[in-house]
Protein backbone atom coordinates (compact mmCIF):
# COMPACT_ATOMS: atom_id res chain seq x y z
CA MET A 1 124.60 183.28 76.18
CA ARG A 2 123.73 179.97 74.61
CA LYS A 3 127.06 178.52 75.74
CA ILE A 4 126.45 179.68 79.31
CA LEU A 5 122.94 178.18 79.33
CA PHE A 6 124.29 174.95 77.91
CA GLY A 7 127.00 174.87 80.58
CA VAL A 8 124.42 175.39 83.34
CA ILE A 9 122.30 172.52 82.00
CA ILE A 10 125.32 170.19 81.83
CA THR A 11 126.28 171.14 85.39
CA LEU A 12 122.77 170.42 86.69
CA ILE A 13 122.72 167.05 84.94
CA VAL A 14 126.05 166.11 86.47
CA LEU A 15 124.92 167.20 89.95
CA PHE A 16 121.66 165.25 89.70
CA THR A 17 123.55 162.19 88.44
CA PHE A 18 125.94 162.29 91.39
CA LYS A 19 123.08 162.79 93.84
CA TYR A 20 121.09 159.89 92.34
CA CYS A 21 124.10 157.58 92.43
CA GLY A 22 124.87 158.63 95.98
CA ASP A 23 121.29 157.96 97.14
CA LYS A 24 121.30 154.60 95.35
CA LYS A 25 124.58 153.61 96.99
CA GLU A 26 123.28 154.61 100.42
CA GLU A 27 120.10 152.57 99.86
CA GLN A 28 122.13 149.51 98.88
CA ILE A 29 124.34 149.85 101.95
CA ILE A 30 121.30 150.02 104.23
CA LEU A 31 119.77 147.06 102.45
CA LYS A 32 122.92 144.99 102.92
CA GLU A 33 123.11 145.97 106.58
CA ASN A 34 119.48 144.99 107.13
CA SER A 35 120.00 141.70 105.32
CA ALA A 36 123.07 140.93 107.45
CA LEU A 37 121.18 141.79 110.64
CA ILE A 38 118.35 139.40 109.75
CA GLN A 39 120.80 136.63 108.86
CA GLU A 40 122.64 137.13 112.15
CA GLN A 41 119.36 136.91 114.08
CA LEU A 42 118.48 133.65 112.31
CA LYS A 43 121.92 132.14 112.95
CA ASN A 44 121.81 133.04 116.64
CA VAL A 45 118.71 130.89 117.16
CA SER A 46 119.72 127.43 118.39
CA LYS A 47 117.76 124.54 119.82
CA LEU A 48 114.89 125.89 121.89
CA VAL A 49 113.52 123.64 124.62
CA VAL A 50 109.92 124.69 124.67
CA THR A 51 108.01 122.67 127.24
CA GLU A 52 108.68 120.13 129.96
CA GLY A 53 106.09 117.92 131.60
CA HIS A 54 105.81 115.07 134.06
CA PHE A 55 103.56 112.01 134.00
CA SER A 56 102.92 109.47 136.75
CA GLU A 57 101.05 106.33 135.73
CA VAL A 58 100.32 102.88 137.11
CA PHE A 59 100.18 99.97 134.66
CA SER A 60 99.11 96.39 135.18
CA TYR A 61 101.03 93.84 133.11
CA GLU A 62 99.67 90.37 132.50
CA ASN A 63 100.92 87.54 130.33
CA SER A 64 99.59 84.02 130.16
CA LYS A 65 100.23 81.02 127.97
CA ARG A 66 98.92 77.49 127.73
CA MET A 67 101.20 74.49 127.97
CA PHE A 68 101.01 70.71 127.55
CA GLY A 69 98.36 70.82 124.89
CA ASP A 70 96.35 73.56 126.59
CA LEU A 71 96.02 71.47 129.74
CA ILE A 72 97.79 74.04 131.89
CA GLU A 73 97.63 77.83 131.78
CA VAL A 74 100.51 79.64 133.44
CA GLU A 75 100.39 83.34 134.15
CA LYS A 76 102.75 86.10 135.11
CA LYS A 77 101.81 89.59 136.14
CA ALA A 78 103.25 92.72 137.66
CA LEU A 79 102.24 96.16 138.81
CA VAL A 80 104.36 98.87 137.16
CA VAL A 81 104.63 102.44 138.44
CA VAL A 82 106.05 104.84 135.89
CA ASN A 83 107.31 108.37 136.49
CA ALA A 84 108.25 110.01 133.23
CA ASP A 85 109.79 113.37 132.40
CA VAL A 86 108.76 114.63 128.96
CA THR A 87 110.52 117.29 126.94
CA ILE A 88 109.19 118.88 123.75
CA ALA A 89 111.80 120.83 121.81
CA TYR A 90 112.16 122.56 118.46
CA ASP A 91 115.56 122.70 116.77
CA LEU A 92 115.24 126.14 115.25
CA SER A 93 118.69 125.91 113.69
CA LYS A 94 116.98 123.66 111.11
CA ILE A 95 114.62 126.40 109.93
CA GLU A 96 114.79 126.77 106.15
CA TYR A 97 114.50 130.35 104.94
CA ASN A 98 115.24 132.66 102.05
CA ILE A 99 116.19 136.33 102.15
CA ASP A 100 115.02 138.27 99.10
CA GLU A 101 116.88 141.59 99.13
CA THR A 102 115.09 142.82 96.01
CA THR A 103 111.62 142.71 97.59
CA LYS A 104 112.93 143.10 101.17
CA THR A 105 111.27 139.86 102.20
CA LEU A 106 112.25 137.19 104.69
CA GLN A 107 110.60 133.95 103.60
CA ILE A 108 110.36 131.16 106.19
CA LEU A 109 110.10 128.03 104.07
CA THR A 110 109.89 125.21 106.63
CA ILE A 111 109.81 124.91 110.41
CA PRO A 112 111.16 121.66 111.90
CA LYS A 113 108.82 119.25 113.63
CA GLU A 114 108.86 119.05 117.38
CA GLU A 115 111.15 116.55 119.09
CA ILE A 116 109.44 114.63 121.89
CA LYS A 117 111.68 112.89 124.40
CA ILE A 118 110.35 110.62 127.13
CA ASN A 119 112.58 109.62 130.04
CA PRO A 120 110.62 107.07 132.10
CA ASP A 121 111.61 105.61 135.44
CA PHE A 122 110.11 102.14 136.12
CA GLU A 123 109.33 100.59 139.47
CA TYR A 124 107.97 97.03 139.55
CA TYR A 125 105.69 95.78 142.31
CA ASP A 126 103.83 92.57 143.05
CA ILE A 127 105.65 90.50 140.45
CA GLN A 128 104.01 87.09 140.15
CA ALA A 129 105.39 84.44 137.83
CA ASP A 130 105.39 80.66 137.53
CA TYR A 131 108.63 78.73 137.12
CA LEU A 132 107.17 77.48 133.83
CA ASN A 133 106.56 81.06 132.70
CA PRO A 134 109.17 83.29 134.39
CA PHE A 135 109.79 86.99 133.83
CA GLU A 136 112.37 87.46 131.09
CA ALA A 137 114.13 90.35 129.39
CA LYS A 138 111.55 90.36 126.60
CA ASP A 139 108.79 90.97 129.18
CA TYR A 140 110.55 94.08 130.49
CA ASN A 141 111.15 95.27 126.94
CA GLU A 142 107.49 94.74 126.09
CA ILE A 143 106.44 96.69 129.19
CA LYS A 144 108.72 99.61 128.26
CA LYS A 145 107.47 99.61 124.67
CA THR A 146 103.81 99.55 125.72
CA VAL A 147 104.30 102.23 128.37
CA LYS A 148 105.97 104.54 125.86
CA GLN A 149 103.11 104.08 123.40
CA GLN A 150 100.56 104.86 126.11
CA LEU A 151 102.48 107.94 127.22
CA MET A 152 102.67 109.23 123.64
CA LYS A 153 98.88 108.97 123.39
CA LYS A 154 98.52 110.95 126.62
CA ILE A 155 100.94 113.61 125.38
CA GLU A 156 98.94 114.00 122.16
CA VAL A 157 95.74 114.83 124.06
CA SER A 158 97.43 116.90 126.78
CA ASP A 159 98.20 120.62 126.78
CA LEU A 160 101.92 119.99 126.36
CA LYS A 161 101.94 120.12 122.56
CA SER A 162 99.73 123.20 122.32
CA ASN A 163 101.80 124.96 124.99
CA ALA A 164 104.94 124.05 123.07
CA GLN A 165 103.53 125.49 119.85
CA ASN A 166 102.55 128.69 121.63
CA ARG A 167 106.10 129.06 122.93
CA LEU A 168 107.42 128.40 119.42
CA LEU A 169 105.17 131.04 117.88
CA SER A 170 106.24 133.50 120.55
CA GLU A 171 109.87 132.90 119.56
CA LEU A 172 109.13 133.21 115.85
CA SER A 173 107.27 136.48 116.41
CA LYS A 174 110.67 138.08 117.08
CA PHE A 175 111.37 137.73 113.35
CA TYR A 176 108.20 139.67 112.56
CA ILE A 177 109.14 142.44 114.99
CA LEU A 178 112.64 142.66 113.46
CA THR A 179 111.56 142.63 109.81
CA ASN A 180 108.70 145.04 110.47
CA SER A 181 111.00 147.51 112.21
CA LEU A 182 113.35 147.43 109.20
CA GLY A 183 110.55 147.91 106.67
CA TRP A 184 110.80 144.32 105.46
CA THR A 185 108.04 141.73 104.95
CA LEU A 186 107.89 138.35 106.68
CA GLU A 187 106.31 135.42 104.83
CA TYR A 188 105.49 131.87 105.85
CA ASN A 189 104.19 129.36 103.31
CA GLN A 190 104.08 132.21 100.77
CA THR A 191 101.64 134.08 103.04
CA PRO A 192 102.66 137.56 104.27
CA ILE A 193 102.55 137.97 108.04
CA GLU A 194 100.86 141.34 108.47
CA SER A 195 100.50 141.42 112.26
CA LEU A 196 101.44 139.56 115.43
CA GLU A 197 97.86 138.36 115.68
CA VAL A 198 98.34 136.37 112.48
CA PHE A 199 100.94 134.22 114.30
CA SER A 200 98.30 132.80 116.63
CA LYS A 201 96.42 131.46 113.61
CA LEU A 202 99.37 129.86 111.85
CA LYS A 203 99.15 126.14 111.18
CA LEU A 204 102.60 124.64 111.68
């Protein structure tokens, strides 16, 4: 009787051991599959052009200098019409992340800064210059440099950057939806993202 009871106990232990190992193996397989799915999603994200804008501005350029011991002042001036196409893009292939399979966490470490590209088209009107102070290549270069600086200031105070960030956050929210559906946690700057609403409050 004792031998039979002992045999039953041994059999149960063996069965439970096999079942535990089987469950553990299945869990690891699912974990690997989830990890691979998240990695594939991250790799599939390439450069995302977020926002495009257009600016039309009119600039007045003036340059004067004194000659012959300040006896004569010669001026040159021009009216410059600028039409510029502006593109704000995020290269999401540069996102730095870490996948922690142990805690089932996708950690977004850094998000690349936006890339602002300005493509201006210049038209010059009413160019006035003295033969002692003619328009030169350096004048056109100075105009282009100044115009670009002015346009950057306008972009900073416009809705373009905020619209671009909103589009970026909308794209990044896909990672939350994916990780949440798989039972994983998404973190940014060591802060867990617990809902889509949290994305709207992120400081990038």
